[in-house]
N, C-alpha and C. Protein backbone atom coordinates (compact mmCIF):
# COMPACT_ATOMS: atom_id res chain seq x y z
N MET A 1 1.81 23.90 -10.10
CA MET A 1 2.95 23.87 -8.68
C MET A 1 3.35 22.47 -8.76
N GLN A 2 4.68 22.29 -8.33
CA GLN A 2 5.21 20.42 -8.06
C GLN A 2 5.22 20.76 -6.94
N ILE A 3 5.10 19.50 -6.09
CA ILE A 3 5.80 18.46 -5.05
C ILE A 3 7.34 18.51 -5.29
N SER A 4 8.17 18.74 -4.54
CA SER A 4 9.57 18.43 -5.02
C SER A 4 10.11 17.59 -3.88
N PRO A 5 11.05 16.64 -4.33
CA PRO A 5 11.24 15.74 -3.56
C PRO A 5 11.42 16.66 -2.16
N ALA A 6 12.53 17.77 -2.19
CA ALA A 6 12.97 18.51 -1.14
C ALA A 6 11.88 19.04 0.01
N ALA A 7 10.75 19.23 -0.49
CA ALA A 7 9.97 20.06 0.28
C ALA A 7 9.24 19.63 1.24
N PRO A 8 8.78 20.60 1.91
CA PRO A 8 8.33 20.41 3.55
C PRO A 8 7.17 19.42 3.02
N PRO A 9 6.77 18.52 3.66
CA PRO A 9 5.19 18.20 4.31
C PRO A 9 4.36 19.07 4.26
N LEU A 10 3.44 19.55 3.33
CA LEU A 10 2.05 20.47 3.47
C LEU A 10 1.77 20.22 4.73
N ILE A 11 1.09 19.42 5.36
CA ILE A 11 0.11 19.14 6.75
C ILE A 11 1.82 19.43 7.80
N PRO A 12 1.40 19.89 8.62
CA PRO A 12 2.31 19.50 9.91
C PRO A 12 2.30 18.16 10.56
N GLN A 13 3.07 17.09 10.95
CA GLN A 13 2.74 16.45 11.28
C GLN A 13 3.04 16.78 12.83
N THR A 14 2.14 16.01 13.70
CA THR A 14 2.70 16.05 15.50
C THR A 14 2.50 14.67 15.79
N ALA A 15 2.75 13.63 15.20
CA ALA A 15 2.87 12.19 15.66
C ALA A 15 3.70 11.92 14.37
N GLN A 16 4.60 10.89 15.16
CA GLN A 16 5.73 9.98 14.99
C GLN A 16 5.08 9.06 13.36
N ALA A 17 5.82 9.29 12.16
CA ALA A 17 5.15 8.95 10.97
C ALA A 17 5.10 7.58 10.77
N ARG A 18 4.34 6.69 10.98
CA ARG A 18 3.86 4.90 11.11
C ARG A 18 5.11 4.49 10.39
N ALA A 19 5.69 3.45 10.99
CA ALA A 19 7.23 2.59 9.97
C ALA A 19 6.48 1.40 9.90
N THR A 20 6.48 1.22 8.46
CA THR A 20 6.86 0.07 7.46
C THR A 20 6.91 -0.91 8.51
N PRO A 21 6.70 -2.20 8.71
CA PRO A 21 6.70 -3.53 9.57
C PRO A 21 8.53 -3.44 9.08
N ARG A 22 9.17 -3.02 7.57
CA ARG A 22 10.36 -3.17 7.48
C ARG A 22 11.37 -2.58 8.05
N GLU A 23 10.57 -1.26 8.30
CA GLU A 23 11.18 -0.24 9.14
C GLU A 23 11.50 -0.28 10.61
N ALA A 24 9.83 -0.77 11.32
CA ALA A 24 10.25 -1.23 12.31
C ALA A 24 11.00 -2.45 12.92
N ALA A 25 11.53 -3.06 11.75
CA ALA A 25 12.38 -4.38 12.40
C ALA A 25 13.43 -4.34 12.63
N HIS A 26 14.33 -2.74 11.95
CA HIS A 26 15.27 -2.06 11.95
C HIS A 26 15.33 -1.17 12.96
N SER A 27 14.26 -0.48 13.32
CA SER A 27 14.67 0.78 14.45
C SER A 27 15.28 0.30 15.81
N GLU A 28 15.82 1.25 16.08
CA GLU A 28 15.69 0.90 17.35
C GLU A 28 15.26 1.65 18.39
N THR A 29 14.13 2.05 18.38
CA THR A 29 13.90 3.43 18.81
C THR A 29 12.71 2.37 19.74
N SER A 30 11.93 2.70 20.47
CA SER A 30 11.01 2.28 21.35
C SER A 30 9.35 2.34 20.37
N ALA A 31 8.35 1.27 20.28
CA ALA A 31 7.11 1.12 19.36
C ALA A 31 6.35 2.13 19.61
N PRO A 32 5.68 2.68 19.10
CA PRO A 32 4.42 4.24 19.17
C PRO A 32 3.34 3.46 19.32
N PRO A 33 2.59 3.99 20.62
CA PRO A 33 1.57 3.38 20.84
C PRO A 33 0.63 3.00 20.21
N SER A 34 0.12 1.73 20.73
CA SER A 34 -0.68 0.77 19.36
C SER A 34 -2.35 2.10 19.47
N LEU A 35 -2.79 1.42 18.10
CA LEU A 35 -4.11 2.64 18.07
C LEU A 35 -5.49 1.49 19.03
N THR A 36 -6.26 2.58 19.31
CA THR A 36 -7.28 1.76 19.68
C THR A 36 -8.29 1.90 19.15
N PRO A 37 -9.12 1.20 18.85
CA PRO A 37 -10.01 1.54 18.06
C PRO A 37 -11.08 3.08 18.32
N GLY A 38 -11.34 3.72 16.97
CA GLY A 38 -11.46 5.13 16.76
C GLY A 38 -10.47 5.74 16.66
N THR A 39 -9.37 5.47 16.91
CA THR A 39 -8.00 6.30 16.50
C THR A 39 -7.36 6.56 15.06
N LEU A 40 -6.82 7.47 14.85
CA LEU A 40 -6.24 7.35 13.30
C LEU A 40 -5.22 7.45 13.19
N PRO A 41 -4.10 6.59 12.18
CA PRO A 41 -2.59 6.55 12.21
C PRO A 41 -1.91 7.76 11.89
N PRO A 42 -0.80 7.99 12.03
CA PRO A 42 -0.29 9.32 12.17
C PRO A 42 -0.46 9.30 10.54
N LEU A 43 -0.40 10.85 10.48
CA LEU A 43 -0.62 11.20 9.14
C LEU A 43 1.01 11.42 8.55
N ARG A 44 1.28 10.95 7.59
CA ARG A 44 2.51 10.61 6.65
C ARG A 44 1.81 11.17 5.26
N LEU A 45 2.56 12.18 4.68
CA LEU A 45 2.14 12.51 3.49
C LEU A 45 3.83 12.14 2.34
N LEU A 46 3.23 11.58 1.77
CA LEU A 46 4.08 10.84 0.83
C LEU A 46 4.73 12.24 -0.78
N GLN A 47 5.95 12.30 -1.01
CA GLN A 47 6.06 13.10 -1.95
C GLN A 47 7.41 12.43 -2.40
N GLY A 48 7.24 13.41 -3.97
CA GLY A 48 8.79 12.92 -4.23
C GLY A 48 8.18 11.34 -4.73
N ALA A 49 10.36 10.82 -4.48
CA ALA A 49 10.12 9.19 -5.04
C ALA A 49 9.68 8.05 -3.85
N GLU A 50 9.27 8.93 -2.49
CA GLU A 50 8.58 8.17 -1.64
C GLU A 50 7.47 7.46 -2.47
N LEU A 51 6.61 7.92 -3.21
CA LEU A 51 5.30 7.95 -3.64
C LEU A 51 5.57 6.76 -4.66
N PRO A 52 6.16 6.11 -5.67
CA PRO A 52 6.63 5.13 -6.56
C PRO A 52 6.96 4.45 -5.61
N GLN A 53 8.05 4.46 -4.88
CA GLN A 53 8.51 3.24 -3.68
C GLN A 53 7.46 2.99 -2.80
N ALA A 54 6.66 3.67 -2.13
CA ALA A 54 5.72 3.23 -1.52
C ALA A 54 4.69 2.19 -1.95
N THR A 55 4.52 2.70 -3.29
CA THR A 55 3.59 1.96 -4.63
C THR A 55 4.42 0.56 -4.82
N ALA A 56 5.49 0.66 -5.14
CA ALA A 56 6.47 -0.58 -5.05
C ALA A 56 6.40 -1.37 -4.05
N GLU A 57 6.59 -0.86 -2.95
CA GLU A 57 6.47 -1.88 -1.31
C GLU A 57 5.41 -2.42 -1.61
N PHE A 58 4.07 -1.91 -1.47
CA PHE A 58 2.44 -1.96 -1.31
C PHE A 58 2.42 -3.51 -2.43
N ALA A 59 2.98 -3.52 -3.05
CA ALA A 59 2.27 -4.15 -4.37
C ALA A 59 3.20 -5.40 -3.82
N ALA A 60 4.75 -5.08 -3.58
CA ALA A 60 5.27 -6.40 -3.34
C ALA A 60 5.20 -7.24 -2.01
N ASP A 61 4.56 -6.16 -1.02
CA ASP A 61 3.98 -7.03 0.17
C ASP A 61 2.35 -7.65 -0.23
N LEU A 62 1.55 -6.94 -0.83
CA LEU A 62 0.22 -7.55 -1.32
C LEU A 62 0.72 -8.59 -2.33
N GLY A 63 1.20 -8.85 -2.98
CA GLY A 63 1.83 -9.79 -3.82
C GLY A 63 1.86 -11.40 -2.78
N LYS A 64 2.55 -10.91 -1.73
CA LYS A 64 3.26 -11.65 -1.24
C LYS A 64 1.71 -12.68 0.46
N LEU A 65 1.23 -11.62 -0.03
CA LEU A 65 -0.40 -11.93 1.00
C LEU A 65 -1.08 -13.17 0.06
N PHE A 66 -1.12 -12.40 -0.96
CA PHE A 66 -2.14 -13.03 -2.14
C PHE A 66 -1.20 -14.51 -2.49
N ARG A 67 0.07 -14.76 -2.33
CA ARG A 67 0.16 -15.91 -2.85
C ARG A 67 0.02 -16.62 -1.59
N SER A 68 0.40 -16.15 -0.42
CA SER A 68 0.01 -17.30 1.03
C SER A 68 -1.33 -17.18 0.94
N ALA A 69 -2.24 -16.62 0.44
CA ALA A 69 -3.76 -16.69 0.72
C ALA A 69 -4.13 -17.68 -0.67
N GLY A 70 -3.40 -17.58 -1.54
CA GLY A 70 -3.93 -18.96 -3.10
C GLY A 70 -4.50 -17.59 -3.73
N ILE A 71 -4.51 -16.18 -3.77
CA ILE A 71 -5.00 -15.38 -4.73
C ILE A 71 -3.87 -15.57 -5.64
N ALA A 72 -4.69 -15.78 -7.00
CA ALA A 72 -3.94 -15.90 -8.64
C ALA A 72 -3.76 -14.51 -9.09
N VAL A 73 -2.70 -13.78 -9.77
CA VAL A 73 -2.78 -12.98 -10.05
C VAL A 73 -2.10 -13.21 -11.43
N PRO A 74 -2.23 -13.23 -12.74
CA PRO A 74 -3.51 -12.64 -13.36
C PRO A 74 -4.46 -13.63 -13.15
N PRO A 75 -6.02 -12.94 -13.59
CA PRO A 75 -5.91 -12.32 -13.60
C PRO A 75 -5.51 -10.82 -12.63
N ASP A 76 -5.20 -9.42 -13.36
CA ASP A 76 -5.23 -8.68 -12.38
C ASP A 76 -6.54 -8.06 -11.42
N PRO A 77 -6.83 -7.92 -10.17
CA PRO A 77 -7.17 -7.10 -9.39
C PRO A 77 -7.23 -5.68 -9.31
N VAL A 78 -8.06 -5.20 -9.55
CA VAL A 78 -7.95 -3.51 -9.51
C VAL A 78 -8.84 -2.90 -8.40
N LEU A 79 -8.11 -2.47 -7.67
CA LEU A 79 -8.81 -2.12 -5.85
C LEU A 79 -9.08 -0.71 -6.20
N SER A 80 -10.02 -0.31 -5.19
CA SER A 80 -10.33 1.18 -5.15
C SER A 80 -11.11 1.13 -3.75
N MET A 81 -11.38 2.34 -3.34
CA MET A 81 -12.13 2.39 -2.03
C MET A 81 -13.49 2.65 -2.49
N ASP A 82 -14.06 2.40 -1.04
CA ASP A 82 -15.99 2.71 -1.28
C ASP A 82 -16.11 3.97 -0.38
N ARG A 83 -16.99 4.18 -0.12
CA ARG A 83 -17.30 5.94 0.49
C ARG A 83 -16.95 5.92 1.77
N SER A 84 -17.10 4.20 2.61
CA SER A 84 -16.98 4.47 4.10
C SER A 84 -15.35 3.95 4.16
N GLY A 85 -14.90 3.97 3.24
CA GLY A 85 -12.70 4.17 3.49
C GLY A 85 -12.75 1.72 3.26
N LYS A 86 -13.65 1.63 2.92
CA LYS A 86 -13.32 -0.45 2.51
C LYS A 86 -12.69 -0.28 1.34
N VAL A 87 -11.15 -1.39 1.17
CA VAL A 87 -10.64 -1.50 0.52
C VAL A 87 -12.04 -2.66 -0.80
N VAL A 88 -12.25 -2.30 -1.92
CA VAL A 88 -12.70 -3.26 -2.53
C VAL A 88 -12.43 -3.63 -4.01
N VAL A 89 -12.21 -4.75 -4.80
CA VAL A 89 -11.94 -4.77 -5.66
C VAL A 89 -12.68 -4.11 -7.31
N ALA A 90 -12.82 -3.41 -7.77
CA ALA A 90 -13.88 -2.63 -9.04
C ALA A 90 -13.72 -3.81 -10.03
N ASN A 91 -13.10 -4.53 -10.37
CA ASN A 91 -13.58 -5.49 -11.28
C ASN A 91 -14.00 -6.56 -11.06
N ALA A 92 -14.19 -7.68 -12.02
CA ALA A 92 -14.81 -8.89 -11.64
C ALA A 92 -13.95 -10.04 -11.66
N HIS A 93 -12.84 -9.63 -10.80
CA HIS A 93 -11.89 -10.82 -10.57
C HIS A 93 -12.26 -12.00 -10.11
N PRO A 94 -11.86 -13.13 -10.08
CA PRO A 94 -12.94 -14.25 -9.29
C PRO A 94 -12.66 -14.87 -8.01
N ASP A 95 -11.53 -13.62 -7.57
CA ASP A 95 -11.02 -14.08 -6.04
C ASP A 95 -11.69 -12.69 -5.48
N LYS A 96 -12.41 -12.12 -5.60
CA LYS A 96 -13.21 -10.43 -5.49
C LYS A 96 -13.38 -10.57 -4.09
N ALA A 97 -14.02 -11.56 -3.52
CA ALA A 97 -15.05 -11.51 -2.19
C ALA A 97 -13.11 -11.76 -1.09
N ARG A 98 -12.71 -12.97 -1.60
CA ARG A 98 -11.29 -12.93 -0.43
C ARG A 98 -10.81 -11.75 -0.54
N ILE A 99 -10.09 -11.31 -1.83
CA ILE A 99 -9.62 -10.07 -1.84
C ILE A 99 -10.11 -8.95 -0.14
N GLU A 100 -11.27 -8.78 -0.42
CA GLU A 100 -12.18 -7.74 0.36
C GLU A 100 -11.69 -7.81 1.97
N GLN A 101 -11.69 -9.44 1.73
CA GLN A 101 -11.58 -9.48 3.44
C GLN A 101 -10.33 -9.95 3.88
N LEU A 102 -9.34 -9.97 2.78
CA LEU A 102 -8.05 -10.04 3.18
C LEU A 102 -7.60 -8.56 3.38
N PHE A 103 -8.14 -7.70 3.02
CA PHE A 103 -8.39 -5.97 3.30
C PHE A 103 -8.84 -6.06 5.31
N ASP A 104 -9.86 -6.99 4.89
CA ASP A 104 -10.87 -6.49 6.28
C ASP A 104 -9.51 -7.27 7.63
N ASP A 105 -9.07 -8.15 7.05
CA ASP A 105 -8.61 -9.07 7.81
C ASP A 105 -6.99 -8.59 8.62
N GLU A 106 -6.53 -7.42 7.70
CA GLU A 106 -5.52 -7.20 7.50
C GLU A 106 -5.27 -5.45 7.62
N PRO A 107 -5.85 -4.45 8.79
CA PRO A 107 -6.14 -3.12 8.54
C PRO A 107 -4.79 -2.36 8.12
N GLU A 108 -3.50 -3.01 8.59
CA GLU A 108 -2.51 -2.77 8.29
C GLU A 108 -2.63 -1.72 6.67
N MET A 109 -2.70 -2.82 5.90
CA MET A 109 -2.61 -2.70 4.62
C MET A 109 -3.71 -2.26 3.92
N ARG A 110 -5.01 -2.01 4.66
CA ARG A 110 -5.85 -1.44 4.36
C ARG A 110 -5.40 0.15 4.59
N ASN A 111 -4.89 0.62 5.73
CA ASN A 111 -4.38 1.69 5.76
C ASN A 111 -2.99 2.19 5.36
N ARG A 112 -2.34 1.46 4.77
CA ARG A 112 -1.31 1.64 3.49
C ARG A 112 -2.42 1.88 2.07
N PHE A 113 -3.18 1.14 1.74
CA PHE A 113 -3.88 1.48 0.65
C PHE A 113 -4.02 3.23 0.64
N ALA A 114 -5.04 3.07 1.86
CA ALA A 114 -5.73 4.40 1.92
C ALA A 114 -4.42 5.93 1.81
N GLU A 115 -3.66 5.69 2.24
CA GLU A 115 -2.35 6.67 2.26
C GLU A 115 -1.75 6.53 1.22
N LEU A 116 -1.88 5.20 -0.03
CA LEU A 116 -1.49 5.82 -1.45
C LEU A 116 -2.59 6.36 -1.87
N SER A 117 -3.44 5.97 -2.24
CA SER A 117 -4.66 6.55 -2.54
C SER A 117 -4.71 7.89 -2.57
N SER A 118 -4.54 8.31 -0.89
CA SER A 118 -4.99 9.95 -0.79
C SER A 118 -3.38 10.64 -1.44
N ALA A 119 -2.69 10.05 -1.26
CA ALA A 119 -1.12 10.84 -2.35
C ALA A 119 -0.95 10.89 -3.57
N HIS A 120 -1.94 9.57 -4.04
CA HIS A 120 -1.51 9.73 -5.45
C HIS A 120 -2.87 10.64 -5.58
N GLN A 121 -3.71 11.19 -5.18
CA GLN A 121 -5.35 11.81 -5.49
C GLN A 121 -4.36 13.38 -5.16
N LEU A 122 -3.16 13.82 -3.78
CA LEU A 122 -2.54 14.66 -3.63
C LEU A 122 -2.01 15.38 -4.64
N GLN A 123 -1.57 13.97 -5.19
CA GLN A 123 -0.32 14.53 -6.48
C GLN A 123 -0.75 14.99 -7.76
N ARG A 124 -2.29 14.53 -7.65
CA ARG A 124 -3.04 14.84 -9.09
C ARG A 124 -3.37 16.08 -8.96
N ALA A 125 -3.59 16.05 -7.67
CA ALA A 125 -4.77 17.90 -7.52
C ALA A 125 -3.39 18.54 -7.76
N VAL A 126 -2.36 18.53 -7.68
CA VAL A 126 -1.22 19.65 -7.73
C VAL A 126 -0.46 19.62 -9.28
N GLU A 127 -0.46 18.53 -9.70
CA GLU A 127 -0.47 18.71 -11.07
C GLU A 127 -0.71 19.54 -11.88
N ASN A 128 -0.19 20.31 -12.85
CA ASN A 128 -0.21 21.38 -13.18
C ASN A 128 -0.98 22.44 -13.02
N TYR A 129 -0.66 23.04 -11.56
CA TYR A 129 -1.37 23.97 -10.65
C TYR A 129 -1.17 25.32 -11.71
N ASP A 130 -0.15 25.29 -12.01
CA ASP A 130 0.69 26.79 -12.26
C ASP A 130 -0.17 26.92 -13.38
N ASP A 131 -0.04 26.08 -14.33
CA ASP A 131 -1.08 26.23 -15.96
C ASP A 131 -2.43 26.93 -15.92
N PHE A 132 -3.16 25.68 -14.48
CA PHE A 132 -4.29 26.25 -13.93
C PHE A 132 -4.64 27.87 -13.81
N ALA A 133 -3.64 28.19 -12.47
CA ALA A 133 -3.80 29.55 -12.16
C ALA A 133 -2.93 30.27 -13.35
N ALA A 134 -2.48 30.40 -14.55
CA ALA A 134 -2.26 31.19 -15.18
C ALA A 134 -3.70 31.24 -16.11
N ALA A 135 -4.31 30.10 -16.52
CA ALA A 135 -5.21 30.27 -17.69
C ALA A 135 -6.50 31.24 -17.02
N TYR A 136 -6.23 30.80 -15.29
CA TYR A 136 -7.29 31.39 -14.98
C TYR A 136 -6.97 33.38 -14.49
N THR A 137 -5.92 33.03 -14.80
CA THR A 137 -5.87 35.07 -14.58
C THR A 137 -6.15 34.92 -16.53
N ARG A 138 -5.40 34.31 -17.42
CA ARG A 138 -6.27 35.24 -18.39
C ARG A 138 -7.33 35.44 -18.51
N LEU A 139 -8.57 34.54 -18.25
CA LEU A 139 -10.17 34.52 -17.93
C LEU A 139 -10.73 35.90 -17.28
N GLN A 140 -9.48 36.63 -16.55
CA GLN A 140 -9.90 38.00 -15.96
C GLN A 140 -11.08 38.44 -16.88
N GLY A 141 -12.22 39.06 -15.93
CA GLY A 141 -13.01 39.67 -16.49
C GLY A 141 -14.11 38.54 -17.45
N ASN A 142 -13.50 37.47 -17.32
CA ASN A 142 -14.85 36.33 -17.46
C ASN A 142 -15.19 35.59 -16.84
N PRO A 143 -15.90 35.75 -16.19
CA PRO A 143 -16.64 35.21 -15.13
C PRO A 143 -16.94 33.39 -15.60
N ALA A 144 -17.95 33.81 -16.85
CA ALA A 144 -18.46 32.56 -17.21
C ALA A 144 -16.83 31.34 -17.54
N ALA A 145 -16.16 32.10 -18.24
CA ALA A 145 -14.89 31.02 -18.31
C ALA A 145 -14.35 31.02 -17.23
N GLN A 146 -13.92 31.56 -16.31
CA GLN A 146 -13.24 31.16 -14.96
C GLN A 146 -14.21 29.94 -14.51
N GLY A 147 -15.63 30.67 -14.18
CA GLY A 147 -16.46 29.20 -13.81
C GLY A 147 -16.10 28.05 -14.27
N ALA A 148 -15.94 27.74 -15.85
CA ALA A 148 -16.30 26.66 -16.72
C ALA A 148 -14.84 26.07 -16.16
N LEU A 149 -13.86 26.75 -16.42
CA LEU A 149 -12.35 26.35 -15.93
C LEU A 149 -11.92 25.23 -14.63
N VAL A 150 -12.58 26.60 -13.48
CA VAL A 150 -12.89 25.80 -12.18
C VAL A 150 -13.53 24.42 -12.04
N ARG A 151 -15.17 24.54 -12.33
CA ARG A 151 -15.47 23.24 -13.03
C ARG A 151 -14.59 22.02 -13.44
N GLU A 152 -14.13 22.44 -14.80
CA GLU A 152 -12.95 21.26 -14.95
C GLU A 152 -12.07 20.83 -14.03
N ARG A 153 -11.76 21.34 -13.46
CA ARG A 153 -10.55 21.34 -12.57
C ARG A 153 -11.21 20.80 -11.15
N ILE A 154 -12.25 21.09 -11.27
CA ILE A 154 -13.02 20.15 -10.05
C ILE A 154 -13.29 19.04 -10.27
N ALA A 155 -13.67 18.61 -11.29
CA ALA A 155 -13.81 17.37 -11.95
C ALA A 155 -12.82 16.66 -12.34
N HIS A 156 -11.64 17.25 -12.88
CA HIS A 156 -10.18 16.34 -12.59
C HIS A 156 -9.80 15.88 -11.50
N ASN A 157 -9.88 16.64 -10.54
CA ASN A 157 -9.48 16.35 -8.97
C ASN A 157 -10.61 15.45 -8.39
N SER A 158 -11.52 15.24 -8.84
CA SER A 158 -12.91 14.13 -8.25
C SER A 158 -12.91 12.83 -8.86
N ALA A 159 -11.57 12.69 -9.89
CA ALA A 159 -11.30 11.69 -10.48
C ALA A 159 -11.48 10.25 -9.57
N GLN A 160 -12.30 9.18 -9.66
CA GLN A 160 -11.81 8.03 -8.15
C GLN A 160 -10.60 7.34 -8.55
N PHE A 161 -9.64 7.36 -7.40
CA PHE A 161 -8.47 6.26 -7.87
C PHE A 161 -8.67 5.02 -7.76
N PHE A 162 -7.86 4.29 -8.87
CA PHE A 162 -7.94 3.00 -8.76
C PHE A 162 -6.69 2.73 -9.02
N MET A 163 -5.87 1.25 -8.03
CA MET A 163 -4.73 0.33 -8.31
C MET A 163 -4.99 -0.66 -8.58
N ASN A 164 -4.38 -1.05 -10.26
CA ASN A 164 -4.15 -2.13 -10.64
C ASN A 164 -3.12 -3.18 -10.08
N ILE A 165 -3.69 -4.10 -9.53
CA ILE A 165 -2.42 -5.26 -9.26
C ILE A 165 -2.10 -6.33 -10.00
N GLY A 166 -0.51 -5.87 -10.39
CA GLY A 166 -0.52 -7.39 -11.69
C GLY A 166 1.25 -7.69 -11.30
N ALA A 167 0.73 -8.88 -12.04
CA ALA A 167 2.37 -9.58 -11.40
C ALA A 167 3.49 -9.12 -11.53
N GLY A 168 3.87 -7.91 -12.18
CA GLY A 168 4.95 -6.92 -12.20
C GLY A 168 4.52 -5.74 -11.37
N GLY A 169 4.06 -6.03 -10.34
CA GLY A 169 3.88 -4.41 -9.44
C GLY A 169 2.68 -3.85 -9.37
N ALA A 170 2.31 -2.67 -9.33
CA ALA A 170 0.86 -1.82 -8.98
C ALA A 170 0.94 -0.64 -9.66
N GLU A 171 -0.37 -0.56 -10.69
CA GLU A 171 -0.69 0.57 -12.06
C GLU A 171 -1.62 1.44 -10.80
N PRO A 172 -1.03 2.53 -10.58
CA PRO A 172 -2.42 3.64 -10.49
C PRO A 172 -2.93 4.61 -11.54
N PHE A 173 -3.88 4.58 -11.51
CA PHE A 173 -4.79 5.48 -12.41
C PHE A 173 -5.93 5.86 -11.60
N PHE A 174 -6.44 7.14 -12.61
CA PHE A 174 -7.88 7.95 -12.34
C PHE A 174 -8.78 7.27 -13.17
N GLY A 175 -10.10 7.72 -13.00
CA GLY A 175 -11.80 7.64 -13.30
C GLY A 175 -12.08 6.40 -13.77
N GLY A 176 -12.17 5.93 -14.85
CA GLY A 176 -13.44 4.64 -15.12
C GLY A 176 -12.16 3.45 -15.35
N LEU A 177 -13.03 2.29 -15.68
CA LEU A 177 -12.86 1.14 -15.89
C LEU A 177 -12.51 0.39 -17.21
N GLY A 178 -13.02 1.72 -18.39
CA GLY A 178 -12.75 0.81 -19.37
C GLY A 178 -11.58 0.01 -19.89
N ARG A 179 -10.60 0.53 -19.57
CA ARG A 179 -9.46 -0.35 -20.06
C ARG A 179 -8.93 -1.68 -19.40
N VAL A 180 -9.62 -1.62 -18.45
CA VAL A 180 -9.49 -3.04 -17.32
C VAL A 180 -10.41 -3.94 -17.85
N THR A 181 -9.70 -5.46 -17.91
CA THR A 181 -10.36 -6.50 -18.79
C THR A 181 -10.45 -7.62 -17.73
N ALA A 182 -9.89 -7.48 -16.59
CA ALA A 182 -10.39 -8.89 -15.90
C ALA A 182 -11.65 -8.53 -15.34
């Protein structure tokens, strides 16, 4: 099952979607009420071409923040999130502490990374779903094989999200850090 660019959002939205600073500058409508501590930003589900576009915009904005903070790239930092929702540098970047502090100091960038992480994870979960469903049906009558297939799919969908931030943009990926050298 693939999510098409024209498909409606899977999750009903009851609040106005969060606008990026660029969109907010061009918006003629009133700004949404500011968030108070303990409230969540409105849910926005990135789909189709929106996801790579939002990833590229995030990488460009983050690159500007890095340059203004004097953070060198290369080496490329690899970002991820810990269990508490904090953006962490998952590799041995020389400015690891400064990058993590930047996300602590810039909650909008932290929220954008969380949004991208969730959207990439959702996209990964729905990719090849039709193949999974067909394989599950073919295994009808073999509960052990069906269980193994489900466990394999759960493991696939549970892989940790990472984003390599390089001079040329961002590269999202899942799994371990075996291919990261910085």
